[in-house]
PDB file of N, CA and C in Angstrom:
ATOM      1  N   MET A   1       0.836  -1.159   0.000  1.00  0.00           N
ATOM      2  CA  MET A   1       0.000   0.000   0.000  1.00  0.00           C
ATOM      3  C   MET A   1       0.891   1.235   0.000  1.00  0.00           C
ATOM      4  N   LYS A   2       0.589   2.188  -0.895  1.00  0.00           N
ATOM      5  CA  LYS A   2       1.393   3.387  -0.973  1.00  0.00           C
ATOM      6  C   LYS A   2       1.021   4.336   0.157  1.00  0.00           C
ATOM      7  N   PRO A   3       2.018   5.011   0.753  1.00  0.00           N
ATOM      8  CA  PRO A   3       1.683   6.013   1.774  1.00  0.00           C
ATOM      9  C   PRO A   3       1.016   7.223   1.124  1.00  0.00           C
ATOM     10  N   ILE A   4       0.090   7.822   1.844  1.00  0.00           N
ATOM     11  CA  ILE A   4      -0.628   8.981   1.342  1.00  0.00           C
ATOM     12  C   ILE A   4       0.068  10.227   1.867  1.00  0.00           C
ATOM     13  N   PRO A   5       0.493  11.113   0.954  1.00  0.00           N
ATOM     14  CA  PRO A   5       1.204  12.308   1.406  1.00  0.00           C
ATOM     15  C   PRO A   5       0.268  13.275   2.128  1.00  0.00           C
ATOM     16  N   THR A   6       0.763  13.875   3.178  1.00  0.00           N
ATOM     17  CA  THR A   6      -0.003  14.895   3.887  1.00  0.00           C
ATOM     18  C   THR A   6       0.381  16.252   3.322  1.00  0.00           C
ATOM     19  N   PRO A   7      -0.548  17.199   3.276  1.00  0.00           N
ATOM     20  CA  PRO A   7      -0.240  18.497   2.683  1.00  0.00           C
ATOM     21  C   PRO A   7       0.767  19.274   3.525  1.00  0.00           C
ATOM     22  N   HIS A   8       1.734  19.853   2.844  1.00  0.00           N
ATOM     23  CA  HIS A   8       2.726  20.682   3.513  1.00  0.00           C
ATOM     24  C   HIS A   8       2.610  22.136   3.100  1.00  0.00           C
ATOM     25  N   LEU A   9       1.848  22.416   2.068  1.00  0.00           N
ATOM     26  CA  LEU A   9       1.703  23.767   1.551  1.00  0.00           C
ATOM     27  C   LEU A   9       0.242  24.179   1.544  1.00  0.00           C
ATOM     28  N   ILE A  10       0.005  25.465   1.480  1.00  0.00           N
ATOM     29  CA  ILE A  10      -1.359  25.998   1.478  1.00  0.00           C
ATOM     30  C   ILE A  10      -2.085  25.656   0.188  1.00  0.00           C
ATOM     31  N   ASP A  11      -1.351  25.596  -0.920  1.00  0.00           N
ATOM     32  CA  ASP A  11      -1.975  25.434  -2.231  1.00  0.00           C
ATOM     33  C   ASP A  11      -2.362  24.002  -2.563  1.00  0.00           C
ATOM     34  N   GLU A  12      -2.074  23.057  -1.703  1.00  0.00           N
ATOM     35  CA  GLU A  12      -2.413  21.670  -2.004  1.00  0.00           C
ATOM     36  C   GLU A  12      -3.922  21.457  -1.882  1.00  0.00           C
ATOM     37  N   PRO A  13      -4.466  20.523  -2.664  1.00  0.00           N
ATOM     38  CA  PRO A  13      -5.920  20.314  -2.631  1.00  0.00           C
ATOM     39  C   PRO A  13      -6.397  19.790  -1.280  1.00  0.00           C
ATOM     40  N   GLN A  14      -7.648  20.105  -0.974  1.00  0.00           N
ATOM     41  CA  GLN A  14      -8.228  19.657   0.282  1.00  0.00           C
ATOM     42  C   GLN A  14      -8.441  18.160   0.236  1.00  0.00           C
ATOM     43  N   ARG A  15      -8.373  17.518   1.394  1.00  0.00           N
ATOM     44  CA  ARG A  15      -8.529  16.068   1.479  1.00  0.00           C
ATOM     45  C   ARG A  15      -9.742  15.734   2.336  1.00  0.00           C
ATOM     46  N   PHE A  16     -10.375  14.622   1.979  1.00  0.00           N
ATOM     47  CA  PHE A  16     -11.466  14.055   2.761  1.00  0.00           C
ATOM     48  C   PHE A  16     -11.082  12.614   3.059  1.00  0.00           C
ATOM     49  N   LEU A  17     -10.731  12.320   4.261  1.00  0.00           N
ATOM     50  CA  LEU A  17     -10.206  11.028   4.696  1.00  0.00           C
ATOM     51  C   LEU A  17      -8.978  10.653   3.859  1.00  0.00           C
ATOM     52  N   LEU A  18      -9.056   9.661   2.994  1.00  0.00           N
ATOM     53  CA  LEU A  18      -7.894   9.218   2.224  1.00  0.00           C
ATOM     54  C   LEU A  18      -7.817   9.804   0.824  1.00  0.00           C
ATOM     55  N   TRP A  19      -8.884  10.439   0.372  1.00  0.00           N
ATOM     56  CA  TRP A  19      -8.966  10.897  -1.003  1.00  0.00           C
ATOM     57  C   TRP A  19      -8.922  12.414  -1.061  1.00  0.00           C
ATOM     58  N   SER A  20      -8.519  12.922  -2.223  1.00  0.00           N
ATOM     59  CA  SER A  20      -8.689  14.358  -2.430  1.00  0.00           C
ATOM     60  C   SER A  20     -10.191  14.616  -2.564  1.00  0.00           C
ATOM     61  N   PHE A  21     -10.586  15.848  -2.372  1.00  0.00           N
ATOM     62  CA  PHE A  21     -12.008  16.161  -2.300  1.00  0.00           C
ATOM     63  C   PHE A  21     -12.742  15.798  -3.591  1.00  0.00           C
ATOM     64  N   ASP A  22     -12.105  16.042  -4.752  1.00  0.00           N
ATOM     65  CA  ASP A  22     -12.781  15.731  -6.008  1.00  0.00           C
ATOM     66  C   ASP A  22     -12.878  14.230  -6.259  1.00  0.00           C
ATOM     67  N   GLU A  23     -12.011  13.424  -5.638  1.00  0.00           N
ATOM     68  CA  GLU A  23     -12.119  11.969  -5.767  1.00  0.00           C
ATOM     69  C   GLU A  23     -13.131  11.394  -4.785  1.00  0.00           C
ATOM     70  N   ALA A  24     -13.388  12.086  -3.686  1.00  0.00           N
ATOM     71  CA  ALA A  24     -14.343  11.602  -2.687  1.00  0.00           C
ATOM     72  C   ALA A  24     -15.787  11.932  -3.061  1.00  0.00           C
ATOM     73  N   MET A  25     -15.982  12.954  -3.869  1.00  0.00           N
ATOM     74  CA  MET A  25     -17.347  13.369  -4.202  1.00  0.00           C
ATOM     75  C   MET A  25     -18.166  12.278  -4.897  1.00  0.00           C
ATOM     76  N   PRO A  26     -17.627  11.519  -5.867  1.00  0.00           N
ATOM     77  CA  PRO A  26     -18.459  10.460  -6.461  1.00  0.00           C
ATOM     78  C   PRO A  26     -18.890   9.411  -5.436  1.00  0.00           C
ATOM     79  N   ILE A  27     -18.018   9.082  -4.499  1.00  0.00           N
ATOM     80  CA  ILE A  27     -18.374   8.092  -3.477  1.00  0.00           C
ATOM     81  C   ILE A  27     -19.502   8.625  -2.607  1.00  0.00           C
ATOM     82  N   ILE A  28     -19.392   9.885  -2.198  1.00  0.00           N
ATOM     83  CA  ILE A  28     -20.423  10.481  -1.337  1.00  0.00           C
ATOM     84  C   ILE A  28     -21.745  10.591  -2.090  1.00  0.00           C
ATOM     85  N   ILE A  29     -21.685  11.050  -3.340  1.00  0.00           N
ATOM     86  CA  ILE A  29     -22.914  11.219  -4.121  1.00  0.00           C
ATOM     87  C   ILE A  29     -23.602   9.879  -4.367  1.00  0.00           C
ATOM     88  N   PHE A  30     -22.827   8.868  -4.756  1.00  0.00           N
ATOM     89  CA  PHE A  30     -23.438   7.555  -5.001  1.00  0.00           C
ATOM     90  C   PHE A  30     -23.938   6.922  -3.701  1.00  0.00           C
ATOM     91  N   PHE A  31     -23.254   7.181  -2.573  1.00  0.00           N
ATOM     92  CA  PHE A  31     -23.738   6.683  -1.297  1.00  0.00           C
ATOM     93  C   PHE A  31     -25.102   7.296  -0.963  1.00  0.00           C
ATOM     94  N   LEU A  32     -25.211   8.618  -1.126  1.00  0.00           N
ATOM     95  CA  LEU A  32     -26.489   9.285  -0.833  1.00  0.00           C
ATOM     96  C   LEU A  32     -27.588   8.828  -1.794  1.00  0.00           C
ATOM     97  N   LEU A  33     -27.245   8.645  -3.059  1.00  0.00           N
ATOM     98  CA  LEU A  33     -28.216   8.126  -4.015  1.00  0.00           C
ATOM     99  C   LEU A  33     -28.659   6.717  -3.629  1.00  0.00           C
ATOM    100  N   GLY A  34     -27.710   5.886  -3.214  1.00  0.00           N
ATOM    101  CA  GLY A  34     -28.042   4.532  -2.777  1.00  0.00           C
ATOM    102  C   GLY A  34     -28.897   4.519  -1.526  1.00  0.00           C
ATOM    103  N   TYR A  35     -28.659   5.487  -0.644  1.00  0.00           N
ATOM    104  CA  TYR A  35     -29.488   5.590   0.563  1.00  0.00           C
ATOM    105  C   TYR A  35     -30.929   5.932   0.201  1.00  0.00           C
ATOM    106  N   MET A  36     -31.085   6.803  -0.798  1.00  0.00           N
ATOM    107  CA  MET A  36     -32.436   7.208  -1.192  1.00  0.00           C
ATOM    108  C   MET A  36     -33.189   6.082  -1.883  1.00  0.00           C
ATOM    109  N   ILE A  37     -32.491   5.255  -2.662  1.00  0.00           N
ATOM    110  CA  ILE A  37     -33.183   4.179  -3.371  1.00  0.00           C
ATOM    111  C   ILE A  37     -33.020   2.829  -2.661  1.00  0.00           C
ATOM    112  N   GLN A  38     -32.456   2.845  -1.452  1.00  0.00           N
ATOM    113  CA  GLN A  38     -32.283   1.664  -0.599  1.00  0.00           C
ATOM    114  C   GLN A  38     -31.390   0.601  -1.243  1.00  0.00           C
ATOM    115  N   GLN A  39     -30.315   1.049  -1.893  1.00  0.00           N
ATOM    116  CA  GLN A  39     -29.305   0.170  -2.483  1.00  0.00           C
ATOM    117  C   GLN A  39     -27.920   0.722  -2.147  1.00  0.00           C
ATOM    118  N   VAL A  40     -27.647   0.869  -0.847  1.00  0.00           N
ATOM    119  CA  VAL A  40     -26.446   1.564  -0.391  1.00  0.00           C
ATOM    120  C   VAL A  40     -25.174   0.842  -0.826  1.00  0.00           C
ATOM    121  N   ILE A  41     -25.105  -0.454  -0.648  1.00  0.00           N
ATOM    122  CA  ILE A  41     -23.876  -1.196  -0.924  1.00  0.00           C
ATOM    123  C   ILE A  41     -23.550  -1.166  -2.421  1.00  0.00           C
ATOM    124  N   ILE A  42     -24.535  -1.389  -3.251  1.00  0.00           N
ATOM    125  CA  ILE A  42     -24.309  -1.398  -4.696  1.00  0.00           C
ATOM    126  C   ILE A  42     -23.881  -0.019  -5.185  1.00  0.00           C
ATOM    127  N   CYS A  43     -24.591   1.014  -4.757  1.00  0.00           N
ATOM    128  CA  CYS A  43     -24.270   2.360  -5.219  1.00  0.00           C
ATOM    129  C   CYS A  43     -22.921   2.844  -4.678  1.00  0.00           C
ATOM    130  N   THR A  44     -22.569   2.481  -3.449  1.00  0.00           N
ATOM    131  CA  THR A  44     -21.261   2.853  -2.910  1.00  0.00           C
ATOM    132  C   THR A  44     -20.150   2.155  -3.683  1.00  0.00           C
ATOM    133  N   ALA A  45     -20.361   0.897  -4.047  1.00  0.00           N
ATOM    134  CA  ALA A  45     -19.364   0.183  -4.858  1.00  0.00           C
ATOM    135  C   ALA A  45     -19.210   0.844  -6.223  1.00  0.00           C
ATOM    136  N   VAL A  46     -20.319   1.259  -6.832  1.00  0.00           N
ATOM    137  CA  VAL A  46     -20.253   1.971  -8.118  1.00  0.00           C
ATOM    138  C   VAL A  46     -19.512   3.294  -7.937  1.00  0.00           C
ATOM    139  N   GLY A  47     -19.750   3.985  -6.831  1.00  0.00           N
ATOM    140  CA  GLY A  47     -19.050   5.238  -6.555  1.00  0.00           C
ATOM    141  C   GLY A  47     -17.555   5.038  -6.386  1.00  0.00           C
ATOM    142  N   ILE A  48     -17.145   3.946  -5.732  1.00  0.00           N
ATOM    143  CA  ILE A  48     -15.713   3.663  -5.555  1.00  0.00           C
ATOM    144  C   ILE A  48     -15.070   3.353  -6.902  1.00  0.00           C
ATOM    145  N   VAL A  49     -15.742   2.567  -7.733  1.00  0.00           N
ATOM    146  CA  VAL A  49     -15.204   2.265  -9.066  1.00  0.00           C
ATOM    147  C   VAL A  49     -15.102   3.538  -9.899  1.00  0.00           C
ATOM    148  N   PHE A  50     -16.138   4.366  -9.855  1.00  0.00           N
ATOM    149  CA  PHE A  50     -16.126   5.616 -10.603  1.00  0.00           C
ATOM    150  C   PHE A  50     -15.005   6.526 -10.113  1.00  0.00           C
ATOM    151  N   SER A  51     -14.781   6.555  -8.797  1.00  0.00           N
ATOM    152  CA  SER A  51     -13.715   7.372  -8.230  1.00  0.00           C
ATOM    153  C   SER A  51     -12.341   6.887  -8.677  1.00  0.00           C
ATOM    154  N   LYS A  52     -12.153   5.563  -8.740  1.00  0.00           N
ATOM    155  CA  LYS A  52     -10.869   5.016  -9.204  1.00  0.00           C
ATOM    156  C   LYS A  52     -10.638   5.346 -10.677  1.00  0.00           C
ATOM    157  N   LEU A  53     -11.674   5.244 -11.493  1.00  0.00           N
ATOM    158  CA  LEU A  53     -11.545   5.603 -12.903  1.00  0.00           C
ATOM    159  C   LEU A  53     -11.245   7.096 -13.061  1.00  0.00           C
ATOM    160  N   PHE A  54     -11.888   7.912 -12.243  1.00  0.00           N
ATOM    161  CA  PHE A  54     -11.646   9.349 -12.278  1.00  0.00           C
ATOM    162  C   PHE A  54     -10.208   9.666 -11.873  1.00  0.00           C
ATOM    163  N   ARG A  55      -9.689   8.978 -10.856  1.00  0.00           N
ATOM    164  CA  ARG A  55      -8.305   9.193 -10.434  1.00  0.00           C
ATOM    165  C   ARG A  55      -7.331   8.799 -11.545  1.00  0.00           C
ATOM    166  N   LYS A  56      -7.609   7.687 -12.216  1.00  0.00           N
ATOM    167  CA  LYS A  56      -6.746   7.246 -13.310  1.00  0.00           C
ATOM    168  C   LYS A  56      -6.757   8.278 -14.444  1.00  0.00           C
ATOM    169  N   TYR A  57      -7.937   8.820 -14.746  1.00  0.00           N
ATOM    170  CA  TYR A  57      -8.047   9.852 -15.775  1.00  0.00           C
ATOM    171  C   TYR A  57      -7.313  11.117 -15.354  1.00  0.00           C
ATOM    172  N   LYS A  58      -7.505  11.516 -14.095  1.00  0.00           N
ATOM    173  CA  LYS A  58      -6.890  12.742 -13.595  1.00  0.00           C
ATOM    174  C   LYS A  58      -5.370  12.632 -13.536  1.00  0.00           C
ATOM    175  N   ASP A  59      -4.846  11.467 -13.169  1.00  0.00           N
ATOM    176  CA  ASP A  59      -3.403  11.276 -13.075  1.00  0.00           C
ATOM    177  C   ASP A  59      -2.724  11.217 -14.437  1.00  0.00           C
ATOM    178  N   SER A  60      -3.475  10.922 -15.497  1.00  0.00           N
ATOM    179  CA  SER A  60      -2.877  10.845 -16.830  1.00  0.00           C
ATOM    180  C   SER A  60      -2.822  12.211 -17.512  1.00  0.00           C
ATOM    181  N   ARG A  61      -3.336  13.241 -16.881  1.00  0.00           N
ATOM    182  CA  ARG A  61      -3.346  14.594 -17.442  1.00  0.00           C
ATOM    183  C   ARG A  61      -2.472  15.507 -16.585  1.00  0.00           C
ATOM    184  N   PRO A  62      -2.037  16.655 -17.138  1.00  0.00           N
ATOM    185  CA  PRO A  62      -1.250  17.593 -16.328  1.00  0.00           C
ATOM    186  C   PRO A  62      -2.094  18.235 -15.229  1.00  0.00           C
ATOM    187  N   GLU A  63      -1.408  18.767 -14.226  1.00  0.00           N
ATOM    188  CA  GLU A  63      -2.100  19.384 -13.091  1.00  0.00           C
ATOM    189  C   GLU A  63      -2.897  20.601 -13.568  1.00  0.00           C
ATOM    190  N   GLY A  64      -4.120  20.727 -13.103  1.00  0.00           N
ATOM    191  CA  GLY A  64      -4.981  21.830 -13.486  1.00  0.00           C
ATOM    192  C   GLY A  64      -5.729  21.604 -14.791  1.00  0.00           C
ATOM    193  N   TYR A  65      -5.609  20.412 -15.376  1.00  0.00           N
ATOM    194  CA  TYR A  65      -6.258  20.142 -16.663  1.00  0.00           C
ATOM    195  C   TYR A  65      -7.779  20.190 -16.556  1.00  0.00           C
ATOM    196  N   LEU A  66      -8.326  19.607 -15.503  1.00  0.00           N
ATOM    197  CA  LEU A  66      -9.790  19.564 -15.374  1.00  0.00           C
ATOM    198  C   LEU A  66     -10.368  20.959 -15.151  1.00  0.00           C
ATOM    199  N   ILE A  67      -9.673  21.797 -14.389  1.00  0.00           N
ATOM    200  CA  ILE A  67     -10.134  23.170 -14.186  1.00  0.00           C
ATOM    201  C   ILE A  67     -10.077  23.928 -15.509  1.00  0.00           C
ATOM    202  N   HIS A  68      -8.999  23.723 -16.259  1.00  0.00           N
ATOM    203  CA  HIS A  68      -8.886  24.352 -17.576  1.00  0.00           C
ATOM    204  C   HIS A  68     -10.010  23.879 -18.491  1.00  0.00           C
ATOM    205  N   LEU A  69     -10.310  22.590 -18.466  1.00  0.00           N
ATOM    206  CA  LEU A  69     -11.363  22.037 -19.314  1.00  0.00           C
ATOM    207  C   LEU A  69     -12.724  22.642 -18.968  1.00  0.00           C
ATOM    208  N   LEU A  70     -13.020  22.775 -17.681  1.00  0.00           N
ATOM    209  CA  LEU A  70     -14.286  23.388 -17.276  1.00  0.00           C
ATOM    210  C   LEU A  70     -14.345  24.859 -17.679  1.00  0.00           C
ATOM    211  N   ASN A  71     -13.241  25.585 -17.469  1.00  0.00           N
ATOM    212  CA  ASN A  71     -13.211  26.987 -17.874  1.00  0.00           C
ATOM    213  C   ASN A  71     -13.348  27.133 -19.383  1.00  0.00           C
ATOM    214  N   TRP A  72     -12.777  26.219 -20.148  1.00  0.00           N
ATOM    215  CA  TRP A  72     -12.862  26.255 -21.601  1.00  0.00           C
ATOM    216  C   TRP A  72     -14.308  26.112 -22.072  1.00  0.00           C
ATOM    217  N   HIS A  73     -15.093  25.310 -21.345  1.00  0.00           N
ATOM    218  CA  HIS A  73     -16.489  25.090 -21.722  1.00  0.00           C
ATOM    219  C   HIS A  73     -17.439  26.089 -21.071  1.00  0.00           C
ATOM    220  N   GLY A  74     -16.900  27.124 -20.436  1.00  0.00           N
ATOM    221  CA  GLY A  74     -17.728  28.194 -19.899  1.00  0.00           C
ATOM    222  C   GLY A  74     -18.190  28.017 -18.472  1.00  0.00           C
ATOM    223  N   ILE A  75     -17.674  27.014 -17.766  1.00  0.00           N
ATOM    224  CA  ILE A  75     -18.038  26.806 -16.371  1.00  0.00           C
ATOM    225  C   ILE A  75     -16.898  27.366 -15.528  1.00  0.00           C
ATOM    226  N   GLY A  76     -17.092  28.567 -14.998  1.00  0.00           N
ATOM    227  CA  GLY A  76     -16.032  29.227 -14.244  1.00  0.00           C
ATOM    228  C   GLY A  76     -15.785  28.536 -12.919  1.00  0.00           C
ATOM    229  N   VAL A  77     -14.570  28.068 -12.714  1.00  0.00           N
ATOM    230  CA  VAL A  77     -14.220  27.354 -11.489  1.00  0.00           C
ATOM    231  C   VAL A  77     -12.986  28.006 -10.898  1.00  0.00           C
ATOM    232  N   ASP A  78     -13.076  28.359  -9.623  1.00  0.00           N
ATOM    233  CA  ASP A  78     -11.920  28.872  -8.900  1.00  0.00           C
ATOM    234  C   ASP A  78     -11.240  27.694  -8.231  1.00  0.00           C
ATOM    235  N   ARG A  79      -9.957  27.795  -7.995  1.00  0.00           N
ATOM    236  CA  ARG A  79      -9.227  26.686  -7.386  1.00  0.00           C
ATOM    237  C   ARG A  79      -9.644  26.436  -5.940  1.00  0.00           C
ATOM    238  N   GLY A  80     -10.229  27.406  -5.273  1.00  0.00           N
ATOM    239  CA  GLY A  80     -10.725  27.178  -3.930  1.00  0.00           C
ATOM    240  C   GLY A  80      -9.644  27.143  -2.871  1.00  0.00           C
ATOM    241  N   TYR A  81      -8.648  28.015  -3.004  1.00  0.00           N
ATOM    242  CA  TYR A  81      -7.624  28.065  -1.970  1.00  0.00           C
ATOM    243  C   TYR A  81      -8.224  28.564  -0.671  1.00  0.00           C
ATOM    244  N   SER A  82      -7.754  28.039   0.436  1.00  0.00           N
ATOM    245  CA  SER A  82      -8.278  28.467   1.724  1.00  0.00           C
ATOM    246  C   SER A  82      -7.684  29.802   2.154  1.00  0.00           C
ATOM    247  N   VAL A  83      -6.549  30.172   1.606  1.00  0.00           N
ATOM    248  CA  VAL A  83      -5.908  31.441   1.908  1.00  0.00           C
ATOM    249  C   VAL A  83      -5.742  32.190   0.593  1.00  0.00           C
ATOM    250  N   GLY A  84      -6.102  33.464   0.583  1.00  0.00           N
ATOM    251  CA  GLY A  84      -6.010  34.237  -0.635  1.00  0.00           C
ATOM    252  C   GLY A  84      -4.576  34.537  -1.033  1.00  0.00           C
ATOM    253  N   ASN A  85      -4.425  35.161  -2.180  1.00  0.00           N
ATOM    254  CA  ASN A  85      -3.118  35.526  -2.690  1.00  0.00           C
ATOM    255  C   ASN A  85      -2.521  36.622  -1.802  1.00  0.00           C
ATOM    256  N   PRO A  86      -1.369  36.389  -1.174  1.00  0.00           N
ATOM    257  CA  PRO A  86      -0.816  37.388  -0.262  1.00  0.00           C
ATOM    258  C   PRO A  86      -0.249  38.600  -0.995  1.00  0.00           C
ATOM    259  N   PHE A  87      -0.019  38.519  -2.296  1.00  0.00           N
ATOM    260  CA  PHE A  87       0.541  39.628  -3.051  1.00  0.00           C
ATOM    261  C   PHE A  87      -0.512  40.536  -3.666  1.00  0.00           C
ATOM    262  N   ARG A  88      -1.758  40.196  -3.489  1.00  0.00           N
ATOM    263  CA  ARG A  88      -2.851  41.019  -4.013  1.00  0.00           C
ATOM    264  C   ARG A  88      -3.065  42.214  -3.098  1.00  0.00           C
ATOM    265  N   ARG A  89      -3.187  43.411  -3.684  1.00  0.00           N
ATOM    266  CA  ARG A  89      -3.338  44.621  -2.876  1.00  0.00           C
ATOM    267  C   ARG A  89      -4.772  45.117  -2.842  1.00  0.00           C
ATOM    268  N   ASP A  90      -5.521  44.966  -3.906  1.00  0.00           N
ATOM    269  CA  ASP A  90      -6.900  45.426  -3.947  1.00  0.00           C
ATOM    270  C   ASP A  90      -7.831  44.242  -3.802  1.00  0.00           C
ATOM    271  N   PHE A  91      -8.809  44.361  -2.915  1.00  0.00           N
ATOM    272  CA  PHE A  91      -9.768  43.281  -2.698  1.00  0.00           C
ATOM    273  C   PHE A  91     -11.178  43.719  -3.067  1.00  0.00           C
ATOM    274  N   HIS A  92     -11.275  44.674  -3.974  1.00  0.00           N
ATOM    275  CA  HIS A  92     -12.587  45.130  -4.441  1.00  0.00           C
ATOM    276  C   HIS A  92     -13.057  44.211  -5.550  1.00  0.00           C
ATOM    277  N   SER A  93     -14.362  44.052  -5.652  1.00  0.00           N
ATOM    278  CA  SER A  93     -14.917  43.182  -6.681  1.00  0.00           C
ATOM    279  C   SER A  93     -14.816  43.789  -8.038  1.00  0.00           C
TER     280      SER A  93
END
């Protein structure tokens, strides 16, 4: 089993248990869907498989590719840093 790196910098993605947040979302969504239709085990297994496929896809692309892809298609996505840019002087909208 590979060790999971802990974040050392502010800019690293947020984590939920063992997964990065974007890899954990399919598991959570499929779990909630399975709870609603009373098929928790099946839907959670589908969510885990989907999450593994998503990780494989994400690891085969350069960093920031998915954000670029969403921005390219008109879906504005911010990286979601917990701390703002320290070199920014104006904070007006």
